[in-house]
Amino acid sequence: MVTVLYRQRHGYDVRIYLKDHPPAPVHVWKGESNLRMDLLTFEVSDNRGYNTREIRQIRKLVSDYQDLLLEVWHNLHEKGERPDRR
């Protein structure tokens, strides 16, 4: 696991797990709450503890840093296909 964004807006940590596979997900943590979000579609595939307002904040954060997050994801998973930004 690599924390790419640490304590960003509203205190969220954005992490990339080394064993994840395409489509490229990120994991967003704050305290005990966490979710997994697709970097290309911003769809949430697993949510543990976030409400609708917080998910909107997280989507905005991930969207704002999408290029950086995709680059880091690709660099950590070089053997796989590089996900393209839509």
N, C-alpha and C. Protein backbone atom coordinates (compact mmCIF):
# COMPACT_ATOMS: atom_id res chain seq x y z
N MET A 1 0.83 -1.17 0.00
CA MET A 1 0.00 0.00 0.00
C MET A 1 0.88 1.24 0.00
N VAL A 2 0.47 2.22 -0.80
CA VAL A 2 1.17 3.50 -0.87
C VAL A 2 0.15 4.61 -0.62
N THR A 3 0.44 5.47 0.34
CA THR A 3 -0.42 6.63 0.56
C THR A 3 0.06 7.73 -0.37
N VAL A 4 -0.76 8.06 -1.36
CA VAL A 4 -0.39 9.04 -2.38
C VAL A 4 -0.75 10.44 -1.90
N LEU A 5 -1.92 10.59 -1.35
CA LEU A 5 -2.36 11.87 -0.80
C LEU A 5 -2.61 11.68 0.69
N TYR A 6 -1.91 12.43 1.50
CA TYR A 6 -1.99 12.28 2.95
C TYR A 6 -2.69 13.48 3.56
N ARG A 7 -3.78 13.21 4.27
CA ARG A 7 -4.53 14.25 4.98
C ARG A 7 -4.88 15.42 4.06
N GLN A 8 -5.37 15.09 2.89
CA GLN A 8 -5.80 16.13 1.94
C GLN A 8 -7.12 16.71 2.41
N ARG A 9 -7.74 17.50 1.55
CA ARG A 9 -9.01 18.15 1.88
C ARG A 9 -9.87 17.29 2.80
N HIS A 10 -10.34 17.89 3.85
CA HIS A 10 -11.23 17.24 4.81
C HIS A 10 -10.57 16.07 5.53
N GLY A 11 -9.24 15.94 5.44
CA GLY A 11 -8.51 14.92 6.18
C GLY A 11 -8.47 13.55 5.56
N TYR A 12 -8.76 13.43 4.28
CA TYR A 12 -8.77 12.12 3.62
C TYR A 12 -7.35 11.68 3.22
N ASP A 13 -7.08 10.40 3.40
CA ASP A 13 -5.87 9.76 2.86
C ASP A 13 -6.29 8.96 1.63
N VAL A 14 -5.56 9.11 0.54
CA VAL A 14 -5.85 8.36 -0.67
C VAL A 14 -4.69 7.39 -0.89
N ARG A 15 -5.05 6.10 -0.94
CA ARG A 15 -4.03 5.05 -1.02
C ARG A 15 -4.23 4.18 -2.26
N ILE A 16 -3.13 3.62 -2.71
CA ILE A 16 -3.15 2.65 -3.80
C ILE A 16 -2.54 1.37 -3.24
N TYR A 17 -3.26 0.27 -3.43
CA TYR A 17 -2.78 -1.02 -2.94
C TYR A 17 -2.02 -1.73 -4.05
N LEU A 18 -0.91 -2.32 -3.70
CA LEU A 18 -0.04 -2.96 -4.68
C LEU A 18 -0.68 -4.19 -5.31
N LYS A 19 -1.57 -4.86 -4.62
CA LYS A 19 -2.17 -6.09 -5.15
C LYS A 19 -3.47 -5.83 -5.91
N ASP A 20 -3.89 -4.57 -6.03
CA ASP A 20 -5.08 -4.27 -6.82
C ASP A 20 -4.82 -4.50 -8.29
N HIS A 21 -5.89 -4.67 -9.05
CA HIS A 21 -5.77 -4.93 -10.47
C HIS A 21 -6.74 -4.03 -11.22
N PRO A 22 -6.55 -3.87 -12.53
CA PRO A 22 -7.46 -3.02 -13.31
C PRO A 22 -8.89 -3.53 -13.22
N PRO A 23 -9.86 -2.64 -13.32
CA PRO A 23 -9.71 -1.19 -13.48
C PRO A 23 -9.11 -0.57 -12.24
N ALA A 24 -8.37 0.50 -12.42
CA ALA A 24 -7.56 1.10 -11.36
C ALA A 24 -8.40 1.70 -10.23
N PRO A 25 -8.35 1.10 -9.04
CA PRO A 25 -9.05 1.68 -7.90
C PRO A 25 -8.10 2.43 -6.97
N VAL A 26 -8.68 3.33 -6.20
CA VAL A 26 -7.98 3.93 -5.07
C VAL A 26 -8.82 3.66 -3.83
N HIS A 27 -8.16 3.72 -2.70
CA HIS A 27 -8.83 3.51 -1.42
C HIS A 27 -8.69 4.80 -0.62
N VAL A 28 -9.81 5.28 -0.09
CA VAL A 28 -9.82 6.55 0.63
C VAL A 28 -10.20 6.27 2.07
N TRP A 29 -9.36 6.72 2.98
CA TRP A 29 -9.51 6.48 4.41
C TRP A 29 -9.60 7.80 5.17
N LYS A 30 -10.41 7.77 6.22
CA LYS A 30 -10.44 8.84 7.21
C LYS A 30 -10.95 8.19 8.49
N GLY A 31 -10.06 8.11 9.47
CA GLY A 31 -10.42 7.38 10.69
C GLY A 31 -10.70 5.93 10.35
N GLU A 32 -11.85 5.43 10.78
CA GLU A 32 -12.24 4.04 10.50
C GLU A 32 -13.05 3.90 9.22
N SER A 33 -13.44 5.01 8.61
CA SER A 33 -14.22 4.96 7.37
C SER A 33 -13.29 4.77 6.17
N ASN A 34 -13.76 4.00 5.20
CA ASN A 34 -12.97 3.79 4.00
C ASN A 34 -13.88 3.41 2.84
N LEU A 35 -13.39 3.67 1.65
CA LEU A 35 -14.09 3.24 0.44
C LEU A 35 -13.10 2.95 -0.65
N ARG A 36 -13.58 2.22 -1.67
CA ARG A 36 -12.79 1.93 -2.86
C ARG A 36 -13.50 2.59 -4.03
N MET A 37 -12.75 3.36 -4.83
CA MET A 37 -13.33 4.10 -5.95
C MET A 37 -12.52 3.85 -7.21
N ASP A 38 -13.21 3.64 -8.32
CA ASP A 38 -12.57 3.48 -9.62
C ASP A 38 -12.01 4.83 -10.07
N LEU A 39 -10.76 4.86 -10.48
CA LEU A 39 -10.10 6.10 -10.89
C LEU A 39 -10.59 6.65 -12.22
N LEU A 40 -11.23 5.83 -13.03
CA LEU A 40 -11.69 6.28 -14.33
C LEU A 40 -13.15 6.73 -14.31
N THR A 41 -13.99 6.03 -13.57
CA THR A 41 -15.42 6.32 -13.55
C THR A 41 -15.87 7.01 -12.27
N PHE A 42 -15.03 6.99 -11.25
CA PHE A 42 -15.35 7.53 -9.92
C PHE A 42 -16.50 6.79 -9.24
N GLU A 43 -16.77 5.58 -9.71
CA GLU A 43 -17.80 4.75 -9.08
C GLU A 43 -17.25 4.13 -7.81
N VAL A 44 -18.07 4.09 -6.78
CA VAL A 44 -17.69 3.50 -5.50
C VAL A 44 -18.09 2.03 -5.52
N SER A 45 -17.13 1.15 -5.29
CA SER A 45 -17.42 -0.28 -5.29
C SER A 45 -17.53 -0.84 -3.87
N ASP A 46 -17.07 -0.11 -2.89
CA ASP A 46 -17.17 -0.56 -1.50
C ASP A 46 -17.11 0.68 -0.61
N ASN A 47 -18.09 0.82 0.26
CA ASN A 47 -18.14 1.98 1.15
C ASN A 47 -18.39 1.50 2.57
N ARG A 48 -17.55 1.92 3.46
CA ARG A 48 -17.70 1.56 4.87
C ARG A 48 -17.63 2.83 5.72
N GLY A 49 -18.78 3.47 5.88
CA GLY A 49 -18.87 4.56 6.83
C GLY A 49 -19.05 5.96 6.30
N TYR A 50 -18.97 6.16 4.97
CA TYR A 50 -19.12 7.50 4.44
C TYR A 50 -20.57 7.78 4.05
N ASN A 51 -21.02 9.02 4.29
CA ASN A 51 -22.36 9.42 3.86
C ASN A 51 -22.28 10.05 2.47
N THR A 52 -23.42 10.42 1.92
CA THR A 52 -23.50 10.95 0.56
C THR A 52 -22.67 12.22 0.39
N ARG A 53 -22.72 13.12 1.35
CA ARG A 53 -21.94 14.37 1.27
C ARG A 53 -20.45 14.07 1.22
N GLU A 54 -19.99 13.16 2.07
CA GLU A 54 -18.58 12.80 2.10
C GLU A 54 -18.15 12.14 0.79
N ILE A 55 -19.00 11.32 0.21
CA ILE A 55 -18.67 10.68 -1.06
C ILE A 55 -18.53 11.73 -2.16
N ARG A 56 -19.37 12.77 -2.16
CA ARG A 56 -19.21 13.86 -3.12
C ARG A 56 -17.87 14.56 -2.93
N GLN A 57 -17.47 14.80 -1.68
CA GLN A 57 -16.17 15.42 -1.40
C GLN A 57 -15.04 14.55 -1.92
N ILE A 58 -15.15 13.26 -1.70
CA ILE A 58 -14.11 12.32 -2.13
C ILE A 58 -14.04 12.26 -3.65
N ARG A 59 -15.19 12.23 -4.32
CA ARG A 59 -15.19 12.24 -5.80
C ARG A 59 -14.48 13.48 -6.32
N LYS A 60 -14.75 14.61 -5.72
CA LYS A 60 -14.11 15.87 -6.15
C LYS A 60 -12.60 15.78 -5.93
N LEU A 61 -12.18 15.29 -4.78
CA LEU A 61 -10.76 15.16 -4.47
C LEU A 61 -10.07 14.23 -5.48
N VAL A 62 -10.65 13.06 -5.70
CA VAL A 62 -10.06 12.09 -6.63
C VAL A 62 -10.05 12.65 -8.05
N SER A 63 -11.12 13.33 -8.43
CA SER A 63 -11.18 13.95 -9.75
C SER A 63 -10.08 15.00 -9.93
N ASP A 64 -9.89 15.83 -8.92
CA ASP A 64 -8.87 16.88 -9.00
C ASP A 64 -7.46 16.32 -9.13
N TYR A 65 -7.22 15.16 -8.56
CA TYR A 65 -5.89 14.54 -8.58
C TYR A 65 -5.83 13.31 -9.49
N GLN A 66 -6.79 13.17 -10.38
CA GLN A 66 -6.89 11.97 -11.20
C GLN A 66 -5.60 11.69 -11.99
N ASP A 67 -5.04 12.69 -12.63
CA ASP A 67 -3.82 12.47 -13.44
C ASP A 67 -2.68 11.94 -12.58
N LEU A 68 -2.45 12.55 -11.45
CA LEU A 68 -1.39 12.09 -10.54
C LEU A 68 -1.67 10.68 -10.06
N LEU A 69 -2.90 10.40 -9.65
CA LEU A 69 -3.24 9.08 -9.13
C LEU A 69 -3.10 8.00 -10.20
N LEU A 70 -3.51 8.31 -11.43
CA LEU A 70 -3.34 7.34 -12.52
C LEU A 70 -1.87 7.09 -12.81
N GLU A 71 -1.07 8.13 -12.77
CA GLU A 71 0.37 7.97 -13.00
C GLU A 71 1.01 7.09 -11.93
N VAL A 72 0.68 7.34 -10.69
CA VAL A 72 1.22 6.53 -9.59
C VAL A 72 0.72 5.10 -9.71
N TRP A 73 -0.57 4.93 -10.02
CA TRP A 73 -1.14 3.59 -10.15
C TRP A 73 -0.39 2.82 -11.24
N HIS A 74 -0.19 3.48 -12.37
CA HIS A 74 0.54 2.83 -13.48
C HIS A 74 1.96 2.46 -13.07
N ASN A 75 2.66 3.37 -12.42
CA ASN A 75 4.04 3.11 -12.00
C ASN A 75 4.13 1.95 -11.02
N LEU A 76 3.14 1.78 -10.19
CA LEU A 76 3.14 0.68 -9.21
C LEU A 76 2.71 -0.65 -9.83
N HIS A 77 2.02 -0.58 -10.95
CA HIS A 77 1.48 -1.78 -11.60
C HIS A 77 1.97 -1.87 -13.04
N GLU A 78 3.24 -1.66 -13.28
CA GLU A 78 3.80 -1.58 -14.63
C GLU A 78 3.55 -2.82 -15.47
N LYS A 79 3.39 -3.96 -14.87
CA LYS A 79 3.21 -5.19 -15.64
C LYS A 79 1.84 -5.25 -16.28
N GLY A 80 0.88 -4.52 -15.73
CA GLY A 80 -0.48 -4.55 -16.26
C GLY A 80 -0.72 -3.47 -17.30
N GLU A 81 -1.90 -3.45 -17.83
CA GLU A 81 -2.29 -2.43 -18.78
C GLU A 81 -2.42 -1.09 -18.07
N ARG A 82 -2.04 -0.04 -18.76
CA ARG A 82 -2.18 1.30 -18.20
C ARG A 82 -3.62 1.77 -18.43
N PRO A 83 -4.32 2.10 -17.36
CA PRO A 83 -5.69 2.60 -17.56
C PRO A 83 -5.63 3.99 -18.18
N ASP A 84 -6.45 4.23 -19.17
CA ASP A 84 -6.49 5.54 -19.82
C ASP A 84 -7.58 6.40 -19.21
N ARG A 85 -7.25 7.68 -19.06
CA ARG A 85 -8.24 8.62 -18.56
C ARG A 85 -9.26 8.86 -19.64
N ARG A 86 -10.53 8.92 -19.23
CA ARG A 86 -11.61 9.17 -20.19
C ARG A 86 -11.86 10.64 -20.34
